[in-house]
Amino acid sequence: MIKYLEKEIDFQKEIEKENILVDFYADWCGPCRMQSDILLELDKQKNIDILKVNIDKFPEIASKYQITSIPTLLFFKNNNIKNKEIGVRNLEELLELTE
């Protein structure tokens, strides 16, 4: 399920889930739009929570996780970062990232 972060306070609650892929993006970012299409495919193929975090709306979260390029994907497992990828990733790479 793909969800957009609405309130900063909800971020911590979301990453405490067993497995969640966080996509740091911006509306003006062309590669981020490409990554969004691939995330839709991932969502169809795999039962995983995907949280989209707009860095323009939540710069404090982006700063905390040292997000300097977008798109950046963080895969959290039980509140810990298991994998981090910067740049557009294809479906096969996303499937590996979220193992």
PDB file of N, CA and C in Angstrom:
ATOM      1  N   MET A   1       0.838  -1.179   0.000  1.00  0.00           N
ATOM      2  CA  MET A   1       0.000   0.000   0.000  1.00  0.00           C
ATOM      3  C   MET A   1       0.884   1.243   0.000  1.00  0.00           C
ATOM      4  N   ILE A   2       0.590   2.167  -0.890  1.00  0.00           N
ATOM      5  CA  ILE A   2       1.338   3.424  -0.969  1.00  0.00           C
ATOM      6  C   ILE A   2       0.586   4.498  -0.191  1.00  0.00           C
ATOM      7  N   LYS A   3       1.323   5.158   0.681  1.00  0.00           N
ATOM      8  CA  LYS A   3       0.733   6.188   1.534  1.00  0.00           C
ATOM      9  C   LYS A   3       1.636   7.421   1.485  1.00  0.00           C
ATOM     10  N   TYR A   4       1.022   8.594   1.493  1.00  0.00           N
ATOM     11  CA  TYR A   4       1.775   9.849   1.534  1.00  0.00           C
ATOM     12  C   TYR A   4       1.781  10.368   2.966  1.00  0.00           C
ATOM     13  N   LEU A   5       2.955  10.753   3.448  1.00  0.00           N
ATOM     14  CA  LEU A   5       3.059  11.307   4.791  1.00  0.00           C
ATOM     15  C   LEU A   5       2.299  12.627   4.847  1.00  0.00           C
ATOM     16  N   GLU A   6       1.382  12.723   5.798  1.00  0.00           N
ATOM     17  CA  GLU A   6       0.564  13.929   5.956  1.00  0.00           C
ATOM     18  C   GLU A   6       1.066  14.826   7.085  1.00  0.00           C
ATOM     19  N   LYS A   7       1.550  14.186   8.168  1.00  0.00           N
ATOM     20  CA  LYS A   7       1.999  14.946   9.338  1.00  0.00           C
ATOM     21  C   LYS A   7       3.333  14.383   9.806  1.00  0.00           C
ATOM     22  N   GLU A   8       4.230  15.263  10.169  1.00  0.00           N
ATOM     23  CA  GLU A   8       5.555  14.837  10.619  1.00  0.00           C
ATOM     24  C   GLU A   8       5.479  13.864  11.790  1.00  0.00           C
ATOM     25  N   ILE A   9       4.533  14.091  12.670  1.00  0.00           N
ATOM     26  CA  ILE A   9       4.399  13.254  13.853  1.00  0.00           C
ATOM     27  C   ILE A   9       4.110  11.787  13.508  1.00  0.00           C
ATOM     28  N   ASP A  10       3.541  11.543  12.336  1.00  0.00           N
ATOM     29  CA  ASP A  10       3.197  10.169  11.935  1.00  0.00           C
ATOM     30  C   ASP A  10       4.388   9.379  11.404  1.00  0.00           C
ATOM     31  N   PHE A  11       5.491  10.046  11.077  1.00  0.00           N
ATOM     32  CA  PHE A  11       6.623   9.353  10.469  1.00  0.00           C
ATOM     33  C   PHE A  11       7.151   8.239  11.359  1.00  0.00           C
ATOM     34  N   GLN A  12       7.392   8.540  12.620  1.00  0.00           N
ATOM     35  CA  GLN A  12       7.947   7.541  13.536  1.00  0.00           C
ATOM     36  C   GLN A  12       7.029   6.327  13.649  1.00  0.00           C
ATOM     37  N   LYS A  13       5.747   6.570  13.728  1.00  0.00           N
ATOM     38  CA  LYS A  13       4.782   5.469  13.815  1.00  0.00           C
ATOM     39  C   LYS A  13       4.852   4.581  12.578  1.00  0.00           C
ATOM     40  N   GLU A  14       5.009   5.200  11.425  1.00  0.00           N
ATOM     41  CA  GLU A  14       5.061   4.451  10.171  1.00  0.00           C
ATOM     42  C   GLU A  14       6.309   3.573  10.082  1.00  0.00           C
ATOM     43  N   ILE A  15       7.473   4.100  10.475  1.00  0.00           N
ATOM     44  CA  ILE A  15       8.699   3.313  10.329  1.00  0.00           C
ATOM     45  C   ILE A  15       8.829   2.224  11.383  1.00  0.00           C
ATOM     46  N   GLU A  16       7.948   2.214  12.351  1.00  0.00           N
ATOM     47  CA  GLU A  16       7.958   1.145  13.354  1.00  0.00           C
ATOM     48  C   GLU A  16       7.277  -0.119  12.850  1.00  0.00           C
ATOM     49  N   LYS A  17       6.687  -0.051  11.663  1.00  0.00           N
ATOM     50  CA  LYS A  17       6.074  -1.244  11.086  1.00  0.00           C
ATOM     51  C   LYS A  17       7.170  -2.266  10.797  1.00  0.00           C
ATOM     52  N   GLU A  18       6.761  -3.516  10.648  1.00  0.00           N
ATOM     53  CA  GLU A  18       7.746  -4.576  10.429  1.00  0.00           C
ATOM     54  C   GLU A  18       8.627  -4.305   9.207  1.00  0.00           C
ATOM     55  N   ASN A  19       8.011  -3.970   8.085  1.00  0.00           N
ATOM     56  CA  ASN A  19       8.733  -3.656   6.843  1.00  0.00           C
ATOM     57  C   ASN A  19       8.072  -2.467   6.175  1.00  0.00           C
ATOM     58  N   ILE A  20       8.867  -1.458   5.864  1.00  0.00           N
ATOM     59  CA  ILE A  20       8.312  -0.313   5.142  1.00  0.00           C
ATOM     60  C   ILE A  20       9.410   0.318   4.278  1.00  0.00           C
ATOM     61  N   LEU A  21       9.032   0.639   3.063  1.00  0.00           N
ATOM     62  CA  LEU A  21       9.927   1.317   2.135  1.00  0.00           C
ATOM     63  C   LEU A  21       9.538   2.791   2.117  1.00  0.00           C
ATOM     64  N   VAL A  22      10.499   3.665   2.418  1.00  0.00           N
ATOM     65  CA  VAL A  22      10.246   5.100   2.439  1.00  0.00           C
ATOM     66  C   VAL A  22      10.893   5.725   1.208  1.00  0.00           C
ATOM     67  N   ASP A  23      10.084   6.445   0.447  1.00  0.00           N
ATOM     68  CA  ASP A  23      10.531   7.129  -0.766  1.00  0.00           C
ATOM     69  C   ASP A  23      10.575   8.622  -0.488  1.00  0.00           C
ATOM     70  N   PHE A  24      11.793   9.180  -0.441  1.00  0.00           N
ATOM     71  CA  PHE A  24      11.959  10.621  -0.297  1.00  0.00           C
ATOM     72  C   PHE A  24      11.963  11.216  -1.700  1.00  0.00           C
ATOM     73  N   TYR A  25      11.073  12.179  -1.935  1.00  0.00           N
ATOM     74  CA  TYR A  25      10.866  12.719  -3.274  1.00  0.00           C
ATOM     75  C   TYR A  25      10.484  14.197  -3.194  1.00  0.00           C
ATOM     76  N   ALA A  26      10.325  14.812  -4.374  1.00  0.00           N
ATOM     77  CA  ALA A  26       9.762  16.160  -4.484  1.00  0.00           C
ATOM     78  C   ALA A  26       8.897  16.191  -5.739  1.00  0.00           C
ATOM     79  N   ASP A  27       7.866  17.011  -5.709  1.00  0.00           N
ATOM     80  CA  ASP A  27       6.936  17.094  -6.839  1.00  0.00           C
ATOM     81  C   ASP A  27       7.621  17.570  -8.125  1.00  0.00           C
ATOM     82  N   TRP A  28       8.626  18.403  -8.008  1.00  0.00           N
ATOM     83  CA  TRP A  28       9.301  18.981  -9.165  1.00  0.00           C
ATOM     84  C   TRP A  28      10.376  18.070  -9.759  1.00  0.00           C
ATOM     85  N   CYS A  29      10.622  16.934  -9.154  1.00  0.00           N
ATOM     86  CA  CYS A  29      11.723  16.038  -9.521  1.00  0.00           C
ATOM     87  C   CYS A  29      11.284  15.018 -10.577  1.00  0.00           C
ATOM     88  N   GLY A  30      11.834  15.134 -11.791  1.00  0.00           N
ATOM     89  CA  GLY A  30      11.508  14.202 -12.875  1.00  0.00           C
ATOM     90  C   GLY A  30      11.851  12.755 -12.548  1.00  0.00           C
ATOM     91  N   PRO A  31      13.076  12.462 -12.068  1.00  0.00           N
ATOM     92  CA  PRO A  31      13.399  11.081 -11.710  1.00  0.00           C
ATOM     93  C   PRO A  31      12.481  10.521 -10.616  1.00  0.00           C
ATOM     94  N   CYS A  32      12.009  11.395  -9.730  1.00  0.00           N
ATOM     95  CA  CYS A  32      11.090  10.945  -8.673  1.00  0.00           C
ATOM     96  C   CYS A  32       9.773  10.461  -9.279  1.00  0.00           C
ATOM     97  N   ARG A  33       9.308  11.125 -10.326  1.00  0.00           N
ATOM     98  CA  ARG A  33       8.078  10.688 -10.998  1.00  0.00           C
ATOM     99  C   ARG A  33       8.285   9.334 -11.661  1.00  0.00           C
ATOM    100  N   MET A  34       9.469   9.139 -12.247  1.00  0.00           N
ATOM    101  CA  MET A  34       9.785   7.831 -12.833  1.00  0.00           C
ATOM    102  C   MET A  34       9.789   6.754 -11.741  1.00  0.00           C
ATOM    103  N   GLN A  35      10.387   7.069 -10.593  1.00  0.00           N
ATOM    104  CA  GLN A  35      10.446   6.103  -9.493  1.00  0.00           C
ATOM    105  C   GLN A  35       9.047   5.787  -8.973  1.00  0.00           C
ATOM    106  N   SER A  36       8.171   6.773  -8.958  1.00  0.00           N
ATOM    107  CA  SER A  36       6.791   6.553  -8.489  1.00  0.00           C
ATOM    108  C   SER A  36       6.074   5.516  -9.334  1.00  0.00           C
ATOM    109  N   ASP A  37       6.285   5.562 -10.638  1.00  0.00           N
ATOM    110  CA  ASP A  37       5.660   4.561 -11.519  1.00  0.00           C
ATOM    111  C   ASP A  37       6.160   3.160 -11.196  1.00  0.00           C
ATOM    112  N   ILE A  38       7.448   3.040 -10.916  1.00  0.00           N
ATOM    113  CA  ILE A  38       8.031   1.739 -10.586  1.00  0.00           C
ATOM    114  C   ILE A  38       7.527   1.277  -9.215  1.00  0.00           C
ATOM    115  N   LEU A  39       7.353   2.203  -8.293  1.00  0.00           N
ATOM    116  CA  LEU A  39       6.815   1.845  -6.976  1.00  0.00           C
ATOM    117  C   LEU A  39       5.384   1.315  -7.088  1.00  0.00           C
ATOM    118  N   LEU A  40       4.615   1.857  -8.020  1.00  0.00           N
ATOM    119  CA  LEU A  40       3.264   1.336  -8.255  1.00  0.00           C
ATOM    120  C   LEU A  40       3.324  -0.126  -8.681  1.00  0.00           C
ATOM    121  N   GLU A  41       4.278  -0.470  -9.523  1.00  0.00           N
ATOM    122  CA  GLU A  41       4.462  -1.869  -9.943  1.00  0.00           C
ATOM    123  C   GLU A  41       4.879  -2.734  -8.767  1.00  0.00           C
ATOM    124  N   LEU A  42       5.782  -2.229  -7.945  1.00  0.00           N
ATOM    125  CA  LEU A  42       6.215  -2.970  -6.747  1.00  0.00           C
ATOM    126  C   LEU A  42       5.031  -3.245  -5.847  1.00  0.00           C
ATOM    127  N   ASP A  43       4.192  -2.244  -5.667  1.00  0.00           N
ATOM    128  CA  ASP A  43       3.014  -2.380  -4.812  1.00  0.00           C
ATOM    129  C   ASP A  43       2.074  -3.467  -5.333  1.00  0.00           C
ATOM    130  N   LYS A  44       1.982  -3.610  -6.637  1.00  0.00           N
ATOM    131  CA  LYS A  44       1.122  -4.645  -7.222  1.00  0.00           C
ATOM    132  C   LYS A  44       1.699  -6.047  -7.015  1.00  0.00           C
ATOM    133  N   GLN A  45       3.033  -6.134  -7.034  1.00  0.00           N
ATOM    134  CA  GLN A  45       3.681  -7.444  -6.984  1.00  0.00           C
ATOM    135  C   GLN A  45       4.016  -7.931  -5.584  1.00  0.00           C
ATOM    136  N   LYS A  46       4.156  -7.028  -4.657  1.00  0.00           N
ATOM    137  CA  LYS A  46       4.623  -7.400  -3.324  1.00  0.00           C
ATOM    138  C   LYS A  46       3.791  -6.693  -2.266  1.00  0.00           C
ATOM    139  N   ASN A  47       3.457  -7.416  -1.239  1.00  0.00           N
ATOM    140  CA  ASN A  47       2.686  -6.855  -0.138  1.00  0.00           C
ATOM    141  C   ASN A  47       3.642  -6.120   0.803  1.00  0.00           C
ATOM    142  N   ILE A  48       3.849  -4.848   0.517  1.00  0.00           N
ATOM    143  CA  ILE A  48       4.767  -4.044   1.327  1.00  0.00           C
ATOM    144  C   ILE A  48       4.181  -2.644   1.482  1.00  0.00           C
ATOM    145  N   ASP A  49       4.425  -2.063   2.644  1.00  0.00           N
ATOM    146  CA  ASP A  49       3.998  -0.683   2.858  1.00  0.00           C
ATOM    147  C   ASP A  49       5.038   0.247   2.258  1.00  0.00           C
ATOM    148  N   ILE A  50       4.570   1.256   1.535  1.00  0.00           N
ATOM    149  CA  ILE A  50       5.435   2.262   0.922  1.00  0.00           C
ATOM    150  C   ILE A  50       4.963   3.620   1.428  1.00  0.00           C
ATOM    151  N   LEU A  51       5.879   4.363   2.013  1.00  0.00           N
ATOM    152  CA  LEU A  51       5.571   5.703   2.513  1.00  0.00           C
ATOM    153  C   LEU A  51       6.326   6.716   1.683  1.00  0.00           C
ATOM    154  N   LYS A  52       5.604   7.666   1.095  1.00  0.00           N
ATOM    155  CA  LYS A  52       6.206   8.724   0.295  1.00  0.00           C
ATOM    156  C   LYS A  52       6.335   9.974   1.163  1.00  0.00           C
ATOM    157  N   VAL A  53       7.564  10.496   1.228  1.00  0.00           N
ATOM    158  CA  VAL A  53       7.844  11.671   2.051  1.00  0.00           C
ATOM    159  C   VAL A  53       8.359  12.788   1.140  1.00  0.00           C
ATOM    160  N   ASN A  54       7.588  13.854   1.041  1.00  0.00           N
ATOM    161  CA  ASN A  54       7.952  15.015   0.235  1.00  0.00           C
ATOM    162  C   ASN A  54       8.975  15.843   1.017  1.00  0.00           C
ATOM    163  N   ILE A  55      10.182  15.959   0.452  1.00  0.00           N
ATOM    164  CA  ILE A  55      11.241  16.657   1.184  1.00  0.00           C
ATOM    165  C   ILE A  55      10.988  18.153   1.313  1.00  0.00           C
ATOM    166  N   ASP A  56      10.162  18.702   0.431  1.00  0.00           N
ATOM    167  CA  ASP A  56       9.829  20.129   0.539  1.00  0.00           C
ATOM    168  C   ASP A  56       8.858  20.389   1.692  1.00  0.00           C
ATOM    169  N   LYS A  57       8.020  19.425   2.002  1.00  0.00           N
ATOM    170  CA  LYS A  57       7.070  19.571   3.106  1.00  0.00           C
ATOM    171  C   LYS A  57       7.668  19.139   4.439  1.00  0.00           C
ATOM    172  N   PHE A  58       8.636  18.210   4.380  1.00  0.00           N
ATOM    173  CA  PHE A  58       9.210  17.655   5.611  1.00  0.00           C
ATOM    174  C   PHE A  58      10.737  17.699   5.567  1.00  0.00           C
ATOM    175  N   PRO A  59      11.318  18.911   5.489  1.00  0.00           N
ATOM    176  CA  PRO A  59      12.780  19.015   5.402  1.00  0.00           C
ATOM    177  C   PRO A  59      13.504  18.506   6.645  1.00  0.00           C
ATOM    178  N   GLU A  60      12.856  18.559   7.795  1.00  0.00           N
ATOM    179  CA  GLU A  60      13.500  18.096   9.027  1.00  0.00           C
ATOM    180  C   GLU A  60      13.740  16.590   8.973  1.00  0.00           C
ATOM    181  N   ILE A  61      12.768  15.848   8.442  1.00  0.00           N
ATOM    182  CA  ILE A  61      12.926  14.394   8.329  1.00  0.00           C
ATOM    183  C   ILE A  61      14.031  14.081   7.327  1.00  0.00           C
ATOM    184  N   ALA A  62      14.014  14.777   6.191  1.00  0.00           N
ATOM    185  CA  ALA A  62      15.054  14.571   5.181  1.00  0.00           C
ATOM    186  C   ALA A  62      16.439  14.858   5.761  1.00  0.00           C
ATOM    187  N   SER A  63      16.547  15.907   6.529  1.00  0.00           N
ATOM    188  CA  SER A  63      17.819  16.263   7.148  1.00  0.00           C
ATOM    189  C   SER A  63      18.263  15.198   8.152  1.00  0.00           C
ATOM    190  N   LYS A  64      17.340  14.721   8.949  1.00  0.00           N
ATOM    191  CA  LYS A  64      17.660  13.701   9.963  1.00  0.00           C
ATOM    192  C   LYS A  64      18.260  12.454   9.319  1.00  0.00           C
ATOM    193  N   TYR A  65      17.764  12.084   8.154  1.00  0.00           N
ATOM    194  CA  TYR A  65      18.240  10.882   7.469  1.00  0.00           C
ATOM    195  C   TYR A  65      19.259  11.202   6.373  1.00  0.00           C
ATOM    196  N   GLN A  66      19.789  12.431   6.406  1.00  0.00           N
ATOM    197  CA  GLN A  66      20.851  12.880   5.503  1.00  0.00           C
ATOM    198  C   GLN A  66      20.499  12.641   4.034  1.00  0.00           C
ATOM    199  N   ILE A  67      19.282  13.037   3.661  1.00  0.00           N
ATOM    200  CA  ILE A  67      18.833  12.923   2.288  1.00  0.00           C
ATOM    201  C   ILE A  67      19.348  14.142   1.526  1.00  0.00           C
ATOM    202  N   THR A  68      20.311  13.917   0.644  1.00  0.00           N
ATOM    203  CA  THR A  68      20.901  15.008  -0.115  1.00  0.00           C
ATOM    204  C   THR A  68      20.590  14.920  -1.607  1.00  0.00           C
ATOM    205  N   SER A  69      20.119  13.764  -2.055  1.00  0.00           N
ATOM    206  CA  SER A  69      19.719  13.557  -3.446  1.00  0.00           C
ATOM    207  C   SER A  69      18.388  12.824  -3.469  1.00  0.00           C
ATOM    208  N   ILE A  70      17.589  13.119  -4.494  1.00  0.00           N
ATOM    209  CA  ILE A  70      16.313  12.422  -4.619  1.00  0.00           C
ATOM    210  C   ILE A  70      16.167  11.879  -6.027  1.00  0.00           C
ATOM    211  N   PRO A  71      15.446  10.792  -6.178  1.00  0.00           N
ATOM    212  CA  PRO A  71      14.788  10.035  -5.119  1.00  0.00           C
ATOM    213  C   PRO A  71      15.800   9.245  -4.281  1.00  0.00           C
ATOM    214  N   THR A  72      15.498   9.115  -3.009  1.00  0.00           N
ATOM    215  CA  THR A  72      16.236   8.232  -2.104  1.00  0.00           C
ATOM    216  C   THR A  72      15.231   7.300  -1.471  1.00  0.00           C
ATOM    217  N   LEU A  73      15.576   6.032  -1.446  1.00  0.00           N
ATOM    218  CA  LEU A  73      14.715   5.006  -0.860  1.00  0.00           C
ATOM    219  C   LEU A  73      15.397   4.432   0.371  1.00  0.00           C
ATOM    220  N   LEU A  74      14.671   4.396   1.476  1.00  0.00           N
ATOM    221  CA  LEU A  74      15.144   3.753   2.698  1.00  0.00           C
ATOM    222  C   LEU A  74      14.202   2.601   3.006  1.00  0.00           C
ATOM    223  N   PHE A  75      14.760   1.421   3.209  1.00  0.00           N
ATOM    224  CA  PHE A  75      13.953   0.266   3.595  1.00  0.00           C
ATOM    225  C   PHE A  75      14.171   0.025   5.077  1.00  0.00           C
ATOM    226  N   PHE A  76      13.099   0.203   5.850  1.00  0.00           N
ATOM    227  CA  PHE A  76      13.145  -0.006   7.295  1.00  0.00           C
ATOM    228  C   PHE A  76      12.592  -1.386   7.626  1.00  0.00           C
ATOM    229  N   LYS A  77      13.269  -2.062   8.521  1.00  0.00           N
ATOM    230  CA  LYS A  77      12.785  -3.333   9.053  1.00  0.00           C
ATOM    231  C   LYS A  77      12.807  -3.179  10.570  1.00  0.00           C
ATOM    232  N   ASN A  78      11.636  -3.239  11.175  1.00  0.00           N
ATOM    233  CA  ASN A  78      11.514  -3.085  12.625  1.00  0.00           C
ATOM    234  C   ASN A  78      12.218  -1.837  13.145  1.00  0.00           C
ATOM    235  N   ASN A  79      11.954  -0.703  12.497  1.00  0.00           N
ATOM    236  CA  ASN A  79      12.438   0.608  12.931  1.00  0.00           C
ATOM    237  C   ASN A  79      13.930   0.840  12.677  1.00  0.00           C
ATOM    238  N   ASN A  80      14.570  -0.040  11.941  1.00  0.00           N
ATOM    239  CA  ASN A  80      15.986   0.120  11.622  1.00  0.00           C
ATOM    240  C   ASN A  80      16.163   0.165  10.108  1.00  0.00           C
ATOM    241  N   ILE A  81      17.073   1.009   9.639  1.00  0.00           N
ATOM    242  CA  ILE A  81      17.353   1.070   8.211  1.00  0.00           C
ATOM    243  C   ILE A  81      18.130  -0.182   7.817  1.00  0.00           C
ATOM    244  N   LYS A  82      17.546  -0.940   6.906  1.00  0.00           N
ATOM    245  CA  LYS A  82      18.205  -2.150   6.406  1.00  0.00           C
ATOM    246  C   LYS A  82      18.935  -1.858   5.094  1.00  0.00           C
ATOM    247  N   ASN A  83      18.339  -1.038   4.229  1.00  0.00           N
ATOM    248  CA  ASN A  83      18.931  -0.702   2.929  1.00  0.00           C
ATOM    249  C   ASN A  83      18.652   0.754   2.584  1.00  0.00           C
ATOM    250  N   LYS A  84      19.587   1.344   1.832  1.00  0.00           N
ATOM    251  CA  LYS A  84      19.411   2.715   1.343  1.00  0.00           C
ATOM    252  C   LYS A  84      19.873   2.749  -0.107  1.00  0.00           C
ATOM    253  N   GLU A  85      19.068   3.312  -0.974  1.00  0.00           N
ATOM    254  CA  GLU A  85      19.411   3.457  -2.389  1.00  0.00           C
ATOM    255  C   GLU A  85      19.114   4.889  -2.822  1.00  0.00           C
ATOM    256  N   ILE A  86      20.030   5.445  -3.590  1.00  0.00           N
ATOM    257  CA  ILE A  86      19.873   6.796  -4.108  1.00  0.00           C
ATOM    258  C   ILE A  86      19.721   6.703  -5.618  1.00  0.00           C
ATOM    259  N   GLY A  87      18.750   7.406  -6.158  1.00  0.00           N
ATOM    260  CA  GLY A  87      18.512   7.393  -7.591  1.00  0.00           C
ATOM    261  C   GLY A  87      17.412   6.410  -7.963  1.00  0.00           C
ATOM    262  N   VAL A  88      17.000   6.462  -9.216  1.00  0.00           N
ATOM    263  CA  VAL A  88      15.913   5.612  -9.700  1.00  0.00           C
ATOM    264  C   VAL A  88      16.380   4.159  -9.725  1.00  0.00           C
ATOM    265  N   ARG A  89      15.547   3.279  -9.200  1.00  0.00           N
ATOM    266  CA  ARG A  89      15.824   1.840  -9.182  1.00  0.00           C
ATOM    267  C   ARG A  89      14.721   1.125  -9.946  1.00  0.00           C
ATOM    268  N   ASN A  90      15.104   0.082 -10.705  1.00  0.00           N
ATOM    269  CA  ASN A  90      14.102  -0.665 -11.449  1.00  0.00           C
ATOM    270  C   ASN A  90      13.381  -1.657 -10.528  1.00  0.00           C
ATOM    271  N   LEU A  91      12.373  -2.317 -11.063  1.00  0.00           N
ATOM    272  CA  LEU A  91      11.544  -3.208 -10.254  1.00  0.00           C
ATOM    273  C   LEU A  91      12.359  -4.332  -9.632  1.00  0.00           C
ATOM    274  N   GLU A  92      13.263  -4.935 -10.401  1.00  0.00           N
ATOM    275  CA  GLU A  92      14.075  -6.031  -9.874  1.00  0.00           C
ATOM    276  C   GLU A  92      14.938  -5.565  -8.703  1.00  0.00           C
ATOM    277  N   GLU A  93      15.500  -4.378  -8.840  1.00  0.00           N
ATOM    278  CA  GLU A  93      16.326  -3.830  -7.748  1.00  0.00           C
ATOM    279  C   GLU A  93      15.474  -3.557  -6.511  1.00  0.00           C
ATOM    280  N   LEU A  94      14.252  -3.077  -6.721  1.00  0.00           N
ATOM    281  CA  LEU A  94      13.359  -2.815  -5.584  1.00  0.00           C
ATOM    282  C   LEU A  94      12.952  -4.108  -4.895  1.00  0.00           C
ATOM    283  N   LEU A  95      12.724  -5.141  -5.667  1.00  0.00           N
ATOM    284  CA  LEU A  95      12.379  -6.433  -5.067  1.00  0.00           C
ATOM    285  C   LEU A  95      13.536  -6.935  -4.203  1.00  0.00           C
ATOM    286  N   GLU A  96      14.765  -6.786  -4.675  1.00  0.00           N
ATOM    287  CA  GLU A  96      15.941  -7.177  -3.879  1.00  0.00           C
ATOM    288  C   GLU A  96      16.095  -6.292  -2.657  1.00  0.00           C
ATOM    289  N   LEU A  97      15.903  -4.997  -2.841  1.00  0.00           N
ATOM    290  CA  LEU A  97      16.056  -4.029  -1.751  1.00  0.00           C
ATOM    291  C   LEU A  97      15.128  -4.341  -0.585  1.00  0.00           C
ATOM    292  N   THR A  98      13.953  -4.857  -0.882  1.00  0.00           N
ATOM    293  CA  THR A  98      12.936  -5.068   0.154  1.00  0.00           C
ATOM    294  C   THR A  98      12.873  -6.504   0.649  1.00  0.00           C
ATOM    295  N   GLU A  99      13.918  -7.286   0.405  1.00  0.00           N
ATOM    296  CA  GLU A  99      13.963  -8.673   0.914  1.00  0.00           C
ATOM    297  C   GLU A  99      14.291  -8.686   2.381  1.00  0.00           C
TER     298      GLU A  99
END
